[in-house]
Amino acid sequence: MYKVGSMFAGIGGICLGFKNAGCKLIWANEIDKFACMTYRENFGSDYLVEGDIKEINENGIPDLDILTAGFPCQAFSIAGYQKGFKDDRGNLFFDVLRVIKAKKPRIVFLENVKNLVSHDKGKTFEIIKKGLESLEYKVWYQICNTAEYGNVPQNRERVYIVCFREESEYNEFIKEEFKPIKLKNNIHKIIDVKDKKEEKYYYTEKSKYYESLKETMKNKNTVYQLRRVYVRENKNNLCPTLTANMGEGRT
């Protein structure tokens, strides 16, 4: 059974995938106290370390087979200012390297926004790739959309980076063909629109968005996205990526 540690664990999305695959979660770290509350509800609290990764001694992390890290994406996302490594959040990738260097996991699994690959004309990703290779890892990466590879009716494009210490394991991994799968799910299989929730979850006439929503939303069988100044119909019936930033884009 593979032993897994997770940096920037959030509420445990990546951890859940590895747990469902039969791995044992032995260590996780997250700085956001509210995300930690949710993580503990989902997984318990025995191994979760709440706090700033920069203040964690990498040598105190237990030995593990796989290290995962969905390191902060705001510095690279097109939804932000794209300051990259000039942003403190972008620099957190170097803490990933610090932990890798100390623990030498067999496999490293990283996830970030699609734009990471092309950020700063590819220079940012080249630094990341060379940093991983300098620690003697073989690096594979691919941009995947959840609607094409996860049977999830959401347009969410992310780059996945998988690294191996052993060349034989890397070669075995890349033999697999990562082909898109047919999307069978739709938003109605996930959200029951007939299941009425508390009033606080609905826009009312008191909302400044109400008139725009009422005027635009005519089709009950699709998804609408409330942007900063307009409402947009997603005619492909895919939910857009939900953003958490200083903007006001909503779905």
C-alpha atoms as a PDB file:
ATOM      1  CA  MET A   1       0.000   0.000   0.000  1.00  0.00           C
ATOM      2  CA  TYR A   2       1.415   3.361  -1.047  1.00  0.00           C
ATOM      3  CA  LYS A   3       1.877   5.927   1.727  1.00  0.00           C
ATOM      4  CA  VAL A   4       0.798   9.391   0.616  1.00  0.00           C
ATOM      5  CA  GLY A   5       1.556  12.887   1.901  1.00  0.00           C
ATOM      6  CA  SER A   6      -0.209  15.994   0.636  1.00  0.00           C
ATOM      7  CA  MET A   7       0.990  19.609   0.529  1.00  0.00           C
ATOM      8  CA  PHE A   8      -1.574  22.412   0.122  1.00  0.00           C
ATOM      9  CA  ALA A   9      -4.199  19.786   0.818  1.00  0.00           C
ATOM     10  CA  GLY A  10      -7.198  22.141   0.785  1.00  0.00           C
ATOM     11  CA  ILE A  11     -10.334  20.212   1.707  1.00  0.00           C
ATOM     12  CA  GLY A  12      -8.794  16.992   0.405  1.00  0.00           C
ATOM     13  CA  GLY A  13      -9.788  16.679  -3.244  1.00  0.00           C
ATOM     14  CA  ILE A  14      -6.506  15.100  -4.344  1.00  0.00           C
ATOM     15  CA  CYS A  15      -6.293  13.077  -1.130  1.00  0.00           C
ATOM     16  CA  LEU A  16      -9.708  11.571  -1.827  1.00  0.00           C
ATOM     17  CA  GLY A  17      -8.570  10.336  -5.220  1.00  0.00           C
ATOM     18  CA  PHE A  18      -5.560   8.565  -3.768  1.00  0.00           C
ATOM     19  CA  LYS A  19      -7.585   7.176  -0.869  1.00  0.00           C
ATOM     20  CA  ASN A  20     -10.143   5.762  -3.302  1.00  0.00           C
ATOM     21  CA  ALA A  21      -7.273   4.182  -5.242  1.00  0.00           C
ATOM     22  CA  GLY A  22      -6.273   2.218  -2.143  1.00  0.00           C
ATOM     23  CA  CYS A  23      -3.446   4.404  -0.835  1.00  0.00           C
ATOM     24  CA  LYS A  24      -2.890   5.284   2.828  1.00  0.00           C
ATOM     25  CA  LEU A  25      -2.888   8.975   3.751  1.00  0.00           C
ATOM     26  CA  ILE A  26      -0.237   9.563   6.420  1.00  0.00           C
ATOM     27  CA  TRP A  27       0.451  13.319   6.331  1.00  0.00           C
ATOM     28  CA  ALA A  28      -1.172  16.478   4.997  1.00  0.00           C
ATOM     29  CA  ASN A  29      -0.638  20.195   5.400  1.00  0.00           C
ATOM     30  CA  GLU A  30      -2.976  23.130   4.843  1.00  0.00           C
ATOM     31  CA  ILE A  31      -2.772  26.746   6.037  1.00  0.00           C
ATOM     32  CA  ASP A  32      -6.418  27.806   5.689  1.00  0.00           C
ATOM     33  CA  LYS A  33      -8.265  27.116   8.928  1.00  0.00           C
ATOM     34  CA  PHE A  34     -11.661  26.735   7.251  1.00  0.00           C
ATOM     35  CA  ALA A  35     -10.292  24.277   4.690  1.00  0.00           C
ATOM     36  CA  CYS A  36      -8.773  22.353   7.612  1.00  0.00           C
ATOM     37  CA  MET A  37     -12.161  22.180   9.310  1.00  0.00           C
ATOM     38  CA  THR A  38     -13.658  20.586   6.203  1.00  0.00           C
ATOM     39  CA  TYR A  39     -10.661  18.288   5.733  1.00  0.00           C
ATOM     40  CA  ARG A  40     -11.034  16.963   9.274  1.00  0.00           C
ATOM     41  CA  GLU A  41     -14.722  16.307   8.678  1.00  0.00           C
ATOM     42  CA  ASN A  42     -13.828  14.343   5.545  1.00  0.00           C
ATOM     43  CA  PHE A  43     -10.741  12.457   6.715  1.00  0.00           C
ATOM     44  CA  GLY A  44     -10.261  12.904  10.450  1.00  0.00           C
ATOM     45  CA  SER A  45      -7.481  14.866  12.097  1.00  0.00           C
ATOM     46  CA  ASP A  46      -4.765  12.377  13.063  1.00  0.00           C
ATOM     47  CA  TYR A  47      -2.231  13.408  10.445  1.00  0.00           C
ATOM     48  CA  LEU A  48      -3.324  16.874   9.240  1.00  0.00           C
ATOM     49  CA  VAL A  49      -0.861  19.644  10.112  1.00  0.00           C
ATOM     50  CA  GLU A  50      -2.499  23.066  10.083  1.00  0.00           C
ATOM     51  CA  GLY A  51      -0.112  25.930   9.398  1.00  0.00           C
ATOM     52  CA  ASP A  52       2.300  27.624   7.016  1.00  0.00           C
ATOM     53  CA  ILE A  53       4.409  25.159   5.030  1.00  0.00           C
ATOM     54  CA  LYS A  54       7.344  27.565   5.304  1.00  0.00           C
ATOM     55  CA  GLU A  55       7.379  26.986   9.054  1.00  0.00           C
ATOM     56  CA  ILE A  56       7.340  23.190   8.768  1.00  0.00           C
ATOM     57  CA  ASN A  57      10.626  21.305   9.087  1.00  0.00           C
ATOM     58  CA  GLU A  58      10.742  19.007   6.080  1.00  0.00           C
ATOM     59  CA  ASN A  59      12.779  16.456   8.031  1.00  0.00           C
ATOM     60  CA  GLY A  60       9.897  16.025  10.467  1.00  0.00           C
ATOM     61  CA  ILE A  61       7.545  14.840   7.718  1.00  0.00           C
ATOM     62  CA  PRO A  62       7.102  11.039   7.827  1.00  0.00           C
ATOM     63  CA  ASP A  63       8.598   8.903   5.066  1.00  0.00           C
ATOM     64  CA  LEU A  64       6.197   8.495   2.159  1.00  0.00           C
ATOM     65  CA  ASP A  65       5.940   6.875  -1.240  1.00  0.00           C
ATOM     66  CA  ILE A  66       3.926   9.578  -2.987  1.00  0.00           C
ATOM     67  CA  LEU A  67       3.930  13.323  -2.431  1.00  0.00           C
ATOM     68  CA  THR A  68       1.023  15.313  -3.851  1.00  0.00           C
ATOM     69  CA  ALA A  69       0.755  19.082  -4.126  1.00  0.00           C
ATOM     70  CA  GLY A  70      -1.922  21.235  -5.679  1.00  0.00           C
ATOM     71  CA  PHE A  71       0.319  24.230  -5.074  1.00  0.00           C
ATOM     72  CA  PRO A  72      -1.317  27.694  -5.179  1.00  0.00           C
ATOM     73  CA  CYS A  73      -2.363  28.682  -8.692  1.00  0.00           C
ATOM     74  CA  GLN A  74      -3.325  32.345  -8.238  1.00  0.00           C
ATOM     75  CA  ALA A  75       0.104  33.573  -9.336  1.00  0.00           C
ATOM     76  CA  PHE A  76      -0.217  31.779 -12.690  1.00  0.00           C
ATOM     77  CA  SER A  77      -3.957  31.915 -13.417  1.00  0.00           C
ATOM     78  CA  ILE A  78      -5.425  34.122 -16.139  1.00  0.00           C
ATOM     79  CA  ALA A  79      -7.983  35.151 -13.491  1.00  0.00           C
ATOM     80  CA  GLY A  80      -5.216  36.916 -11.532  1.00  0.00           C
ATOM     81  CA  TYR A  81      -2.293  39.247 -12.163  1.00  0.00           C
ATOM     82  CA  GLN A  82       0.020  36.451 -13.376  1.00  0.00           C
ATOM     83  CA  LYS A  83       3.039  37.622 -11.380  1.00  0.00           C
ATOM     84  CA  GLY A  84       4.378  34.088 -11.256  1.00  0.00           C
ATOM     85  CA  PHE A  85       7.437  33.674  -9.055  1.00  0.00           C
ATOM     86  CA  LYS A  86       7.274  37.383  -8.175  1.00  0.00           C
ATOM     87  CA  ASP A  87       4.142  36.509  -6.201  1.00  0.00           C
ATOM     88  CA  ASP A  88       4.717  34.958  -2.759  1.00  0.00           C
ATOM     89  CA  ARG A  89       2.138  32.299  -3.593  1.00  0.00           C
ATOM     90  CA  GLY A  90       4.024  31.376  -6.760  1.00  0.00           C
ATOM     91  CA  ASN A  91       7.217  30.937  -4.758  1.00  0.00           C
ATOM     92  CA  LEU A  92       5.571  28.180  -2.734  1.00  0.00           C
ATOM     93  CA  PHE A  93       6.566  25.768  -5.486  1.00  0.00           C
ATOM     94  CA  PHE A  94      10.107  25.943  -4.139  1.00  0.00           C
ATOM     95  CA  ASP A  95       8.814  24.560  -0.843  1.00  0.00           C
ATOM     96  CA  VAL A  96       7.581  21.587  -2.839  1.00  0.00           C
ATOM     97  CA  LEU A  97      11.136  21.095  -4.075  1.00  0.00           C
ATOM     98  CA  ARG A  98      12.412  21.462  -0.503  1.00  0.00           C
ATOM     99  CA  VAL A  99      10.167  18.650   0.723  1.00  0.00           C
ATOM    100  CA  ILE A 100      10.939  16.442  -2.278  1.00  0.00           C
ATOM    101  CA  LYS A 101      14.661  16.852  -1.702  1.00  0.00           C
ATOM    102  CA  ALA A 102      14.317  15.820   1.953  1.00  0.00           C
ATOM    103  CA  LYS A 103      11.847  12.934   1.614  1.00  0.00           C
ATOM    104  CA  LYS A 104      12.749  11.559  -1.843  1.00  0.00           C
ATOM    105  CA  PRO A 105       9.301  10.064  -2.602  1.00  0.00           C
ATOM    106  CA  ARG A 106       9.035   7.455  -5.349  1.00  0.00           C
ATOM    107  CA  ILE A 107       6.345   9.492  -7.088  1.00  0.00           C
ATOM    108  CA  VAL A 108       5.383  13.173  -7.101  1.00  0.00           C
ATOM    109  CA  PHE A 109       1.931  14.265  -8.253  1.00  0.00           C
ATOM    110  CA  LEU A 110       1.373  17.997  -8.921  1.00  0.00           C
ATOM    111  CA  GLU A 111      -1.670  19.901 -10.181  1.00  0.00           C
ATOM    112  CA  ASN A 112      -2.150  23.491 -11.276  1.00  0.00           C
ATOM    113  CA  VAL A 113      -3.976  25.729 -13.735  1.00  0.00           C
ATOM    114  CA  LYS A 114      -3.600  25.211 -17.479  1.00  0.00           C
ATOM    115  CA  ASN A 115      -1.924  28.602 -17.847  1.00  0.00           C
ATOM    116  CA  LEU A 116       1.068  27.409 -15.811  1.00  0.00           C
ATOM    117  CA  VAL A 117       2.448  25.752 -18.942  1.00  0.00           C
ATOM    118  CA  SER A 118       2.376  28.911 -21.065  1.00  0.00           C
ATOM    119  CA  HIS A 119       2.962  31.497 -18.317  1.00  0.00           C
ATOM    120  CA  ASP A 120       5.742  33.965 -19.170  1.00  0.00           C
ATOM    121  CA  LYS A 121       6.133  32.358 -22.612  1.00  0.00           C
ATOM    122  CA  GLY A 122       6.839  28.971 -21.072  1.00  0.00           C
ATOM    123  CA  LYS A 123       9.737  30.166 -18.913  1.00  0.00           C
ATOM    124  CA  THR A 124       7.928  29.513 -15.630  1.00  0.00           C
ATOM    125  CA  PHE A 125       7.117  25.918 -16.496  1.00  0.00           C
ATOM    126  CA  GLU A 126      10.656  25.331 -17.707  1.00  0.00           C
ATOM    127  CA  ILE A 127      11.958  26.401 -14.283  1.00  0.00           C
ATOM    128  CA  ILE A 128       9.517  24.011 -12.612  1.00  0.00           C
ATOM    129  CA  LYS A 129      10.420  21.123 -14.902  1.00  0.00           C
ATOM    130  CA  LYS A 130      14.163  21.665 -14.513  1.00  0.00           C
ATOM    131  CA  GLY A 131      13.780  21.970 -10.754  1.00  0.00           C
ATOM    132  CA  LEU A 132      12.130  18.554 -10.615  1.00  0.00           C
ATOM    133  CA  GLU A 133      14.656  17.032 -13.011  1.00  0.00           C
ATOM    134  CA  SER A 134      17.529  18.429 -10.930  1.00  0.00           C
ATOM    135  CA  LEU A 135      16.322  16.171  -8.111  1.00  0.00           C
ATOM    136  CA  GLU A 136      16.657  13.211 -10.526  1.00  0.00           C
ATOM    137  CA  TYR A 137      12.985  12.774 -11.399  1.00  0.00           C
ATOM    138  CA  LYS A 138      11.550  11.825 -14.775  1.00  0.00           C
ATOM    139  CA  VAL A 139       8.751  14.290 -15.563  1.00  0.00           C
ATOM    140  CA  TRP A 140       5.489  13.676 -17.435  1.00  0.00           C
ATOM    141  CA  TYR A 141       2.723  16.256 -17.793  1.00  0.00           C
ATOM    142  CA  GLN A 142      -0.567  16.728 -19.620  1.00  0.00           C
ATOM    143  CA  ILE A 143      -3.378  19.270 -19.672  1.00  0.00           C
ATOM    144  CA  CYS A 144      -6.710  17.581 -19.003  1.00  0.00           C
ATOM    145  CA  ASN A 145     -10.281  18.834 -18.878  1.00  0.00           C
ATOM    146  CA  THR A 146     -12.587  17.185 -16.328  1.00  0.00           C
ATOM    147  CA  ALA A 147     -15.332  17.073 -18.951  1.00  0.00           C
ATOM    148  CA  GLU A 148     -13.092  14.988 -21.221  1.00  0.00           C
ATOM    149  CA  TYR A 149     -11.240  12.799 -18.739  1.00  0.00           C
ATOM    150  CA  GLY A 150     -13.288  12.673 -15.541  1.00  0.00           C
ATOM    151  CA  ASN A 151     -16.903  12.272 -16.666  1.00  0.00           C
ATOM    152  CA  VAL A 152     -17.674  15.483 -14.766  1.00  0.00           C
ATOM    153  CA  PRO A 153     -19.922  18.069 -16.491  1.00  0.00           C
ATOM    154  CA  GLN A 154     -17.587  20.949 -15.744  1.00  0.00           C
ATOM    155  CA  ASN A 155     -15.161  22.798 -17.974  1.00  0.00           C
ATOM    156  CA  ARG A 156     -12.068  22.657 -15.759  1.00  0.00           C
ATOM    157  CA  GLU A 157      -8.702  22.513 -17.489  1.00  0.00           C
ATOM    158  CA  ARG A 158      -5.683  21.704 -15.349  1.00  0.00           C
ATOM    159  CA  VAL A 159      -2.120  20.593 -15.920  1.00  0.00           C
ATOM    160  CA  TYR A 160      -1.154  17.371 -14.149  1.00  0.00           C
ATOM    161  CA  ILE A 161       2.528  16.680 -13.540  1.00  0.00           C
ATOM    162  CA  VAL A 162       3.635  13.194 -12.535  1.00  0.00           C
ATOM    163  CA  CYS A 163       7.269  12.528 -11.627  1.00  0.00           C
ATOM    164  CA  PHE A 164       9.124   9.263 -10.975  1.00  0.00           C
ATOM    165  CA  ARG A 165      12.473   8.541  -9.343  1.00  0.00           C
ATOM    166  CA  GLU A 166      12.769   5.180 -11.062  1.00  0.00           C
ATOM    167  CA  GLU A 167      13.028   5.206 -14.847  1.00  0.00           C
ATOM    168  CA  SER A 168      11.370   1.786 -15.059  1.00  0.00           C
ATOM    169  CA  GLU A 169       8.254   3.094 -13.270  1.00  0.00           C
ATOM    170  CA  TYR A 170       8.228   6.173 -15.497  1.00  0.00           C
ATOM    171  CA  ASN A 171       8.431   4.016 -18.625  1.00  0.00           C
ATOM    172  CA  GLU A 172       5.623   1.784 -17.370  1.00  0.00           C
ATOM    173  CA  PHE A 173       3.456   4.825 -16.678  1.00  0.00           C
ATOM    174  CA  ILE A 174       3.886   6.490 -20.066  1.00  0.00           C
ATOM    175  CA  LYS A 175       2.915   3.272 -21.844  1.00  0.00           C
ATOM    176  CA  GLU A 176      -0.655   4.057 -20.887  1.00  0.00           C
ATOM    177  CA  GLU A 177      -2.663   6.061 -23.403  1.00  0.00           C
ATOM    178  CA  PHE A 178      -4.526   8.914 -21.775  1.00  0.00           C
ATOM    179  CA  LYS A 179      -7.477   9.123 -24.119  1.00  0.00           C
ATOM    180  CA  PRO A 180     -10.588  11.233 -23.506  1.00  0.00           C
ATOM    181  CA  ILE A 181     -13.667   9.355 -22.322  1.00  0.00           C
ATOM    182  CA  LYS A 182     -17.256  10.009 -23.344  1.00  0.00           C
ATOM    183  CA  LEU A 183     -19.086  12.384 -21.015  1.00  0.00           C
ATOM    184  CA  LYS A 184     -22.201  10.642 -19.699  1.00  0.00           C
ATOM    185  CA  ASN A 185     -23.030  12.829 -16.715  1.00  0.00           C
ATOM    186  CA  ASN A 186     -24.831  16.148 -16.857  1.00  0.00           C
ATOM    187  CA  ILE A 187     -25.571  18.868 -14.331  1.00  0.00           C
ATOM    188  CA  HIS A 188     -29.026  17.419 -13.574  1.00  0.00           C
ATOM    189  CA  LYS A 189     -27.460  14.176 -12.348  1.00  0.00           C
ATOM    190  CA  ILE A 190     -25.520  16.164  -9.766  1.00  0.00           C
ATOM    191  CA  ILE A 191     -27.971  18.900  -8.780  1.00  0.00           C
ATOM    192  CA  ASP A 192     -31.654  18.201  -8.260  1.00  0.00           C
ATOM    193  CA  VAL A 193     -33.234  21.513  -9.247  1.00  0.00           C
ATOM    194  CA  LYS A 194     -36.571  20.367  -7.840  1.00  0.00           C
ATOM    195  CA  ASP A 195     -35.103  19.958  -4.367  1.00  0.00           C
ATOM    196  CA  LYS A 196     -35.827  23.374  -2.905  1.00  0.00           C
ATOM    197  CA  LYS A 197     -33.249  24.688  -0.454  1.00  0.00           C
ATOM    198  CA  GLU A 198     -33.360  27.449   2.157  1.00  0.00           C
ATOM    199  CA  GLU A 199     -34.322  30.870   0.823  1.00  0.00           C
ATOM    200  CA  LYS A 200     -30.873  32.291   1.658  1.00  0.00           C
ATOM    201  CA  TYR A 201     -29.413  30.303  -1.234  1.00  0.00           C
ATOM    202  CA  TYR A 202     -31.548  32.060  -3.865  1.00  0.00           C
ATOM    203  CA  TYR A 203     -31.396  35.472  -5.494  1.00  0.00           C
ATOM    204  CA  THR A 204     -34.456  37.552  -4.634  1.00  0.00           C
ATOM    205  CA  GLU A 205     -35.868  40.794  -5.962  1.00  0.00           C
ATOM    206  CA  LYS A 206     -33.725  42.594  -3.410  1.00  0.00           C
ATOM    207  CA  SER A 207     -30.563  41.489  -5.190  1.00  0.00           C
ATOM    208  CA  LYS A 208     -28.922  43.854  -7.668  1.00  0.00           C
ATOM    209  CA  TYR A 209     -28.513  40.860  -9.984  1.00  0.00           C
ATOM    210  CA  TYR A 210     -32.155  39.799  -9.958  1.00  0.00           C
ATOM    211  CA  GLU A 211     -33.369  41.709 -13.021  1.00  0.00           C
ATOM    212  CA  SER A 212     -30.414  40.589 -15.148  1.00  0.00           C
ATOM    213  CA  LEU A 213     -30.970  36.993 -14.131  1.00  0.00           C
ATOM    214  CA  LYS A 214     -34.715  37.157 -14.761  1.00  0.00           C
ATOM    215  CA  GLU A 215     -34.242  38.734 -18.187  1.00  0.00           C
ATOM    216  CA  THR A 216     -31.575  36.295 -19.390  1.00  0.00           C
ATOM    217  CA  MET A 217     -32.425  32.939 -17.840  1.00  0.00           C
ATOM    218  CA  LYS A 218     -35.067  31.409 -20.128  1.00  0.00           C
ATOM    219  CA  ASN A 219     -33.824  27.836 -20.584  1.00  0.00           C
ATOM    220  CA  LYS A 220     -34.271  25.498 -17.608  1.00  0.00           C
ATOM    221  CA  ASN A 221     -32.074  22.820 -19.162  1.00  0.00           C
ATOM    222  CA  THR A 222     -28.775  24.629 -19.253  1.00  0.00           C
ATOM    223  CA  VAL A 223     -26.296  26.453 -17.023  1.00  0.00           C
ATOM    224  CA  TYR A 224     -25.979  30.210 -16.680  1.00  0.00           C
ATOM    225  CA  GLN A 225     -22.979  32.102 -15.398  1.00  0.00           C
ATOM    226  CA  LEU A 226     -23.235  35.445 -13.640  1.00  0.00           C
ATOM    227  CA  ARG A 227     -20.218  37.510 -14.560  1.00  0.00           C
ATOM    228  CA  ARG A 228     -19.321  40.928 -13.223  1.00  0.00           C
ATOM    229  CA  VAL A 229     -21.633  42.890 -15.504  1.00  0.00           C
ATOM    230  CA  TYR A 230     -23.666  40.334 -17.436  1.00  0.00           C
ATOM    231  CA  VAL A 231     -25.267  36.876 -17.373  1.00  0.00           C
ATOM    232  CA  ARG A 232     -24.029  34.283 -19.841  1.00  0.00           C
ATOM    233  CA  GLU A 233     -25.654  31.057 -20.995  1.00  0.00           C
ATOM    234  CA  ASN A 234     -23.293  28.095 -21.206  1.00  0.00           C
ATOM    235  CA  LYS A 235     -24.778  26.377 -24.234  1.00  0.00           C
ATOM    236  CA  ASN A 236     -22.452  23.386 -23.952  1.00  0.00           C
ATOM    237  CA  ASN A 237     -24.287  22.464 -20.712  1.00  0.00           C
ATOM    238  CA  LEU A 238     -21.003  22.376 -18.812  1.00  0.00           C
ATOM    239  CA  CYS A 239     -20.590  24.174 -15.534  1.00  0.00           C
ATOM    240  CA  PRO A 240     -17.696  26.653 -15.731  1.00  0.00           C
ATOM    241  CA  THR A 241     -14.843  26.520 -13.248  1.00  0.00           C
ATOM    242  CA  LEU A 242     -15.883  28.190 -10.020  1.00  0.00           C
ATOM    243  CA  THR A 243     -13.378  30.854  -9.090  1.00  0.00           C
ATOM    244  CA  ALA A 244     -12.341  32.094  -5.673  1.00  0.00           C
ATOM    245  CA  ASN A 245     -10.740  35.492  -6.057  1.00  0.00           C
ATOM    246  CA  MET A 246     -11.303  39.183  -5.605  1.00  0.00           C
ATOM    247  CA  GLY A 247     -13.739  39.251  -8.535  1.00  0.00           C
ATOM    248  CA  GLU A 248     -17.479  38.719  -8.525  1.00  0.00           C
ATOM    249  CA  GLY A 249     -17.910  36.060 -11.196  1.00  0.00           C
ATOM    250  CA  ARG A 250     -20.593  33.590 -10.131  1.00  0.00           C
ATOM    251  CA  THR A 251     -22.464  30.614 -11.547  1.00  0.00           C
END
